[in-house]
All heavy atoms as atom14 arrays in JSON, in Angstrom:
{
  "sequence": "MGWFRQAPGKEREFVIAISWSGGNTYYADS",
  "atom14_mask": [
    [1, 1, 1, 1, 1, 1, 1, 1, 0, 0, 0, 0, 0, 0],
    [1, 1, 1, 1, 0, 0, 0, 0, 0, 0, 0, 0, 0, 0],
    [1, 1, 1, 1, 1, 1, 1, 1, 1, 1, 1, 1, 1, 1],
    [1, 1, 1, 1, 1, 1, 1, 1, 1, 1, 1, 0, 0, 0],
    [1, 1, 1, 1, 1, 1, 1, 1, 1, 1, 1, 0, 0, 0],
    [1, 1, 1, 1, 1, 1, 1, 1, 1, 0, 0, 0, 0, 0],
    [1, 1, 1, 1, 1, 0, 0, 0, 0, 0, 0, 0, 0, 0],
    [1, 1, 1, 1, 1, 1, 1, 0, 0, 0, 0, 0, 0, 0],
    [1, 1, 1, 1, 0, 0, 0, 0, 0, 0, 0, 0, 0, 0],
    [1, 1, 1, 1, 1, 1, 1, 1, 1, 0, 0, 0, 0, 0],
    [1, 1, 1, 1, 1, 1, 1, 1, 1, 0, 0, 0, 0, 0],
    [1, 1, 1, 1, 1, 1, 1, 1, 1, 1, 1, 0, 0, 0],
    [1, 1, 1, 1, 1, 1, 1, 1, 1, 0, 0, 0, 0, 0],
    [1, 1, 1, 1, 1, 1, 1, 1, 1, 1, 1, 0, 0, 0],
    [1, 1, 1, 1, 1, 1, 1, 0, 0, 0, 0, 0, 0, 0],
    [1, 1, 1, 1, 1, 1, 1, 1, 0, 0, 0, 0, 0, 0],
    [1, 1, 1, 1, 1, 0, 0, 0, 0, 0, 0, 0, 0, 0],
    [1, 1, 1, 1, 1, 1, 1, 1, 0, 0, 0, 0, 0, 0],
    [1, 1, 1, 1, 1, 1, 0, 0, 0, 0, 0, 0, 0, 0],
    [1, 1, 1, 1, 1, 1, 1, 1, 1, 1, 1, 1, 1, 1],
    [1, 1, 1, 1, 1, 1, 0, 0, 0, 0, 0, 0, 0, 0],
    [1, 1, 1, 1, 0, 0, 0, 0, 0, 0, 0, 0, 0, 0],
    [1, 1, 1, 1, 0, 0, 0, 0, 0, 0, 0, 0, 0, 0],
    [1, 1, 1, 1, 1, 1, 1, 1, 0, 0, 0, 0, 0, 0],
    [1, 1, 1, 1, 1, 1, 1, 0, 0, 0, 0, 0, 0, 0],
    [1, 1, 1, 1, 1, 1, 1, 1, 1, 1, 1, 1, 0, 0],
    [1, 1, 1, 1, 1, 1, 1, 1, 1, 1, 1, 1, 0, 0],
    [1, 1, 1, 1, 1, 0, 0, 0, 0, 0, 0, 0, 0, 0],
    [1, 1, 1, 1, 1, 1, 1, 1, 0, 0, 0, 0, 0, 0],
    [1, 1, 1, 1, 1, 1, 0, 0, 0, 0, 0, 0, 0, 0]
  ],
  "atom14_positions": [
    [[86.09, 1.98, -3.82], [84.88, 1.73, -3.04], [83.89, 2.85, -3.27], [84.28, 4.03, -3.33], [85.22, 1.65, -1.55], [86.22, 0.58, -1.19], [85.61, -1.09, -1.51], [84.22, -1.16, -0.39], [0.0, 0.0, 0.0], [0.0, 0.0, 0.0], [0.0, 0.0, 0.0], [0.0, 0.0, 0.0], [0.0, 0.0, 0.0], [0.0, 0.0, 0.0]],
    [[82.64, 2.48, -3.38], [81.61, 3.49, -3.6], [80.4, 3.26, -2.73], [80.19, 2.16, -2.22], [0.0, 0.0, 0.0], [0.0, 0.0, 0.0], [0.0, 0.0, 0.0], [0.0, 0.0, 0.0], [0.0, 0.0, 0.0], [0.0, 0.0, 0.0], [0.0, 0.0, 0.0], [0.0, 0.0, 0.0], [0.0, 0.0, 0.0], [0.0, 0.0, 0.0]],
    [[79.63, 4.31, -2.59], [78.34, 4.23, -1.92], [77.25, 4.69, -2.9], [77.41, 5.71, -3.58], [78.3, 5.12, -0.68], [79.09, 4.63, 0.47], [80.39, 4.94, 0.78], [78.65, 3.72, 1.49], [80.77, 4.29, 1.92], [79.74, 3.54, 2.38], [77.46, 3.06, 1.76], [79.66, 2.72, 3.51], [77.38, 2.24, 2.87], [78.47, 2.09, 3.73]],
    [[76.2, 3.92, -2.94], [75.02, 4.25, -3.73], [73.81, 4.22, -2.81], [73.88, 3.67, -1.71], [74.84, 3.24, -4.86], [75.87, 3.32, -5.94], [77.16, 2.85, -5.74], [75.57, 3.88, -7.17], [78.13, 2.93, -6.73], [76.52, 3.97, -8.18], [77.81, 3.49, -7.95], [0.0, 0.0, 0.0], [0.0, 0.0, 0.0], [0.0, 0.0, 0.0]],
    [[72.73, 4.78, -3.27], [71.49, 4.7, -2.5], [70.32, 4.5, -3.44], [70.38, 4.88, -4.61], [71.29, 5.96, -1.65], [71.15, 7.24, -2.43], [71.19, 8.44, -1.49], [71.0, 9.7, -2.18], [71.11, 10.9, -1.6], [71.43, 10.99, -0.3], [70.9, 11.99, -2.31], [0.0, 0.0, 0.0], [0.0, 0.0, 0.0], [0.0, 0.0, 0.0]],
    [[69.29, 3.9, -2.89], [68.12, 3.58, -3.72], [66.85, 3.68, -2.91], [66.7, 3.01, -1.88], [68.25, 2.17, -4.3], [67.19, 1.83, -5.32], [67.5, 0.53, -6.05], [68.28, -0.3, -5.58], [66.91, 0.36, -7.21], [0.0, 0.0, 0.0], [0.0, 0.0, 0.0], [0.0, 0.0, 0.0], [0.0, 0.0, 0.0], [0.0, 0.0, 0.0]],
    [[65.96, 4.52, -3.38], [64.64, 4.65, -2.77], [63.68, 3.69, -3.47], [63.9, 3.32, -4.63], [64.15, 6.09, -2.91], [0.0, 0.0, 0.0], [0.0, 0.0, 0.0], [0.0, 0.0, 0.0], [0.0, 0.0, 0.0], [0.0, 0.0, 0.0], [0.0, 0.0, 0.0], [0.0, 0.0, 0.0], [0.0, 0.0, 0.0], [0.0, 0.0, 0.0]],
    [[62.6, 3.3, -2.81], [61.62, 2.39, -3.44], [61.1, 2.95, -4.75], [60.72, 4.12, -4.85], [60.51, 2.31, -2.39], [61.18, 2.62, -1.11], [62.25, 3.63, -1.44], [0.0, 0.0, 0.0], [0.0, 0.0, 0.0], [0.0, 0.0, 0.0], [0.0, 0.0, 0.0], [0.0, 0.0, 0.0], [0.0, 0.0, 0.0], [0.0, 0.0, 0.0]],
    [[61.13, 2.12, -5.79], [60.61, 2.52, -7.09], [61.53, 3.4, -7.9], [61.15, 3.85, -8.98], [0.0, 0.0, 0.0], [0.0, 0.0, 0.0], [0.0, 0.0, 0.0], [0.0, 0.0, 0.0], [0.0, 0.0, 0.0], [0.0, 0.0, 0.0], [0.0, 0.0, 0.0], [0.0, 0.0, 0.0], [0.0, 0.0, 0.0], [0.0, 0.0, 0.0]],
    [[62.73, 3.65, -7.4], [63.67, 4.51, -8.12], [64.94, 3.75, -8.44], [65.24, 2.72, -7.86], [64.0, 5.75, -7.27], [62.81, 6.68, -7.06], [63.25, 7.97, -6.41], [62.09, 8.95, -6.27], [62.52, 10.24, -5.68], [0.0, 0.0, 0.0], [0.0, 0.0, 0.0], [0.0, 0.0, 0.0], [0.0, 0.0, 0.0], [0.0, 0.0, 0.0]],
    [[65.7, 4.29, -9.39], [66.97, 3.68, -9.76], [68.02, 3.92, -8.68], [67.94, 4.88, -7.92], [67.46, 4.25, -11.09], [66.6, 3.87, -12.28], [67.23, 4.28, -13.59], [68.29, 4.94, -13.58], [66.65, 3.96, -14.65], [0.0, 0.0, 0.0], [0.0, 0.0, 0.0], [0.0, 0.0, 0.0], [0.0, 0.0, 0.0], [0.0, 0.0, 0.0]],
    [[69.0, 3.03, -8.66], [70.1, 3.19, -7.73], [70.91, 4.43, -8.12], [71.26, 4.61, -9.28], [70.97, 1.94, -7.73], [71.93, 1.85, -6.58], [72.45, 0.44, -6.4], [71.4, -0.45, -5.93], [71.6, -1.71, -5.55], [72.84, -2.21, -5.59], [70.61, -2.47, -5.15], [0.0, 0.0, 0.0], [0.0, 0.0, 0.0], [0.0, 0.0, 0.0]],
    [[71.21, 5.23, -7.14], [71.82, 6.54, -7.37], [73.23, 6.58, -6.77], [73.44, 6.18, -5.62], [70.95, 7.62, -6.71], [71.51, 9.01, -6.7], [70.74, 9.96, -5.78], [70.03, 9.48, -4.88], [70.87, 11.18, -5.96], [0.0, 0.0, 0.0], [0.0, 0.0, 0.0], [0.0, 0.0, 0.0], [0.0, 0.0, 0.0], [0.0, 0.0, 0.0]],
    [[74.19, 7.1, -7.54], [75.54, 7.26, -7.04], [75.58, 8.34, -5.96], [74.96, 9.4, -6.1], [76.47, 7.65, -8.18], [77.85, 8.06, -7.73], [78.77, 7.12, -7.33], [78.21, 9.4, -7.68], [80.04, 7.5, -6.9], [79.46, 9.8, -7.25], [80.38, 8.84, -6.86], [0.0, 0.0, 0.0], [0.0, 0.0, 0.0], [0.0, 0.0, 0.0]],
    [[76.34, 8.08, -4.9], [76.49, 9.05, -3.82], [77.92, 9.57, -3.74], [78.18, 10.77, -3.82], [76.08, 8.44, -2.46], [76.31, 9.45, -1.33], [74.63, 7.98, -2.5], [0.0, 0.0, 0.0], [0.0, 0.0, 0.0], [0.0, 0.0, 0.0], [0.0, 0.0, 0.0], [0.0, 0.0, 0.0], [0.0, 0.0, 0.0], [0.0, 0.0, 0.0]],
    [[78.86, 8.63, -3.6], [80.23, 9.03, -3.32], [81.15, 7.83, -3.54], [80.7, 6.69, -3.42], [80.32, 9.54, -1.85], [81.54, 10.39, -1.6], [80.22, 8.39, -0.88], [81.48, 11.12, -0.24], [0.0, 0.0, 0.0], [0.0, 0.0, 0.0], [0.0, 0.0, 0.0], [0.0, 0.0, 0.0], [0.0, 0.0, 0.0], [0.0, 0.0, 0.0]],
    [[82.42, 8.09, -3.9], [83.34, 6.98, -4.11], [84.77, 7.43, -3.81], [85.08, 8.63, -3.84], [83.23, 6.46, -5.54], [0.0, 0.0, 0.0], [0.0, 0.0, 0.0], [0.0, 0.0, 0.0], [0.0, 0.0, 0.0], [0.0, 0.0, 0.0], [0.0, 0.0, 0.0], [0.0, 0.0, 0.0], [0.0, 0.0, 0.0], [0.0, 0.0, 0.0]],
    [[85.63, 6.44, -3.59], [87.0, 6.73, -3.23], [87.92, 5.72, -3.9], [87.58, 4.54, -4.04], [87.18, 6.68, -1.68], [88.55, 7.18, -1.25], [86.89, 5.29, -1.13], [88.65, 7.44, 0.26], [0.0, 0.0, 0.0], [0.0, 0.0, 0.0], [0.0, 0.0, 0.0], [0.0, 0.0, 0.0], [0.0, 0.0, 0.0], [0.0, 0.0, 0.0]],
    [[89.09, 6.19, -4.34], [90.04, 5.3, -4.99], [90.72, 4.4, -3.97], [90.6, 4.6, -2.76], [91.1, 6.13, -5.73], [91.82, 6.93, -4.8], [0.0, 0.0, 0.0], [0.0, 0.0, 0.0], [0.0, 0.0, 0.0], [0.0, 0.0, 0.0], [0.0, 0.0, 0.0], [0.0, 0.0, 0.0], [0.0, 0.0, 0.0], [0.0, 0.0, 0.0]],
    [[91.48, 3.43, -4.47], [92.09, 2.45, -3.57], [93.01, 3.11, -2.55], [93.1, 2.67, -1.41], [92.88, 1.43, -4.38], [94.2, 1.94, -4.86], [94.46, 2.64, -6.0], [95.46, 1.82, -4.18], [95.78, 2.96, -6.08], [96.43, 2.47, -4.98], [95.86, 1.23, -2.98], [97.78, 2.54, -4.61], [97.2, 1.3, -2.62], [98.15, 1.96, -3.43]],
    [[93.69, 4.18, -2.94], [94.65, 4.83, -2.06], [94.0, 5.87, -1.16], [94.61, 6.35, -0.2], [95.73, 5.53, -2.9], [95.16, 6.62, -3.62], [0.0, 0.0, 0.0], [0.0, 0.0, 0.0], [0.0, 0.0, 0.0], [0.0, 0.0, 0.0], [0.0, 0.0, 0.0], [0.0, 0.0, 0.0], [0.0, 0.0, 0.0], [0.0, 0.0, 0.0]],
    [[92.77, 6.25, -1.48], [92.13, 7.35, -0.76], [92.49, 8.7, -1.34], [92.01, 9.73, -0.87], [0.0, 0.0, 0.0], [0.0, 0.0, 0.0], [0.0, 0.0, 0.0], [0.0, 0.0, 0.0], [0.0, 0.0, 0.0], [0.0, 0.0, 0.0], [0.0, 0.0, 0.0], [0.0, 0.0, 0.0], [0.0, 0.0, 0.0], [0.0, 0.0, 0.0]],
    [[93.33, 8.71, -2.36], [93.81, 9.97, -2.91], [92.86, 10.64, -3.87], [93.04, 11.81, -4.22], [0.0, 0.0, 0.0], [0.0, 0.0, 0.0], [0.0, 0.0, 0.0], [0.0, 0.0, 0.0], [0.0, 0.0, 0.0], [0.0, 0.0, 0.0], [0.0, 0.0, 0.0], [0.0, 0.0, 0.0], [0.0, 0.0, 0.0], [0.0, 0.0, 0.0]],
    [[91.86, 9.91, -4.29], [90.9, 10.46, -5.25], [89.49, 10.13, -4.79], [89.19, 8.97, -4.49], [91.17, 9.86, -6.64], [90.5, 10.62, -7.74], [90.08, 11.75, -7.55], [90.41, 10.02, -8.9], [0.0, 0.0, 0.0], [0.0, 0.0, 0.0], [0.0, 0.0, 0.0], [0.0, 0.0, 0.0], [0.0, 0.0, 0.0], [0.0, 0.0, 0.0]],
    [[88.66, 11.14, -4.74], [87.27, 10.94, -4.34], [86.35, 11.64, -5.33], [86.77, 12.58, -6.02], [86.99, 11.48, -2.93], [87.37, 12.86, -2.86], [87.77, 10.7, -1.89], [0.0, 0.0, 0.0], [0.0, 0.0, 0.0], [0.0, 0.0, 0.0], [0.0, 0.0, 0.0], [0.0, 0.0, 0.0], [0.0, 0.0, 0.0], [0.0, 0.0, 0.0]],
    [[85.13, 11.19, -5.38], [84.15, 11.8, -6.28], [82.81, 11.83, -5.55], [82.41, 10.85, -4.93], [84.04, 11.0, -7.57], [83.42, 11.78, -8.69], [84.18, 12.64, -9.48], [82.06, 11.7, -8.95], [83.6, 13.36, -10.49], [81.48, 12.43, -9.95], [82.25, 13.26, -10.72], [81.67, 13.99, -11.72], [0.0, 0.0, 0.0], [0.0, 0.0, 0.0]],
    [[82.13, 12.98, -5.64], [80.89, 13.18, -4.91], [79.76, 13.52, -5.87], [79.95, 14.25, -6.84], [81.03, 14.37, -3.95], [82.09, 14.24, -2.9], [83.44, 14.38, -3.21], [81.74, 14.01, -1.58], [84.4, 14.27, -2.24], [82.7, 13.91, -0.59], [84.03, 14.04, -0.93], [84.99, 13.94, 0.04], [0.0, 0.0, 0.0], [0.0, 0.0, 0.0]],
    [[78.57, 13.04, -5.58], [77.39, 13.52, -6.28], [77.12, 14.96, -5.83], [77.38, 15.32, -4.67], [76.19, 12.65, -5.95], [0.0, 0.0, 0.0], [0.0, 0.0, 0.0], [0.0, 0.0, 0.0], [0.0, 0.0, 0.0], [0.0, 0.0, 0.0], [0.0, 0.0, 0.0], [0.0, 0.0, 0.0], [0.0, 0.0, 0.0], [0.0, 0.0, 0.0]],
    [[76.62, 15.78, -6.73], [76.36, 17.18, -6.4], [75.44, 17.32, -5.19], [75.57, 18.24, -4.39], [75.75, 17.9, -7.6], [76.75, 18.14, -8.71], [77.97, 18.05, -8.44], [76.33, 18.39, -9.85], [0.0, 0.0, 0.0], [0.0, 0.0, 0.0], [0.0, 0.0, 0.0], [0.0, 0.0, 0.0], [0.0, 0.0, 0.0], [0.0, 0.0, 0.0]],
    [[74.52, 16.38, -5.05], [73.52, 16.48, -4.0], [74.1, 16.3, -2.6], [73.44, 16.66, -1.61], [72.43, 15.43, -4.22], [72.99, 14.14, -4.24], [0.0, 0.0, 0.0], [0.0, 0.0, 0.0], [0.0, 0.0, 0.0], [0.0, 0.0, 0.0], [0.0, 0.0, 0.0], [0.0, 0.0, 0.0], [0.0, 0.0, 0.0], [0.0, 0.0, 0.0]]
  ]
}
C-alpha cells in the first residue's frame, strides 16, 4: 500500500509505502 499526493498542475508525487506484512516501509525524503 502506498500514499501519493498531487498538487494542481503538478505530477503525482510518492509519499510513503508499506509492504503487505508491514515489515518494509519506504519514505520520500521530504
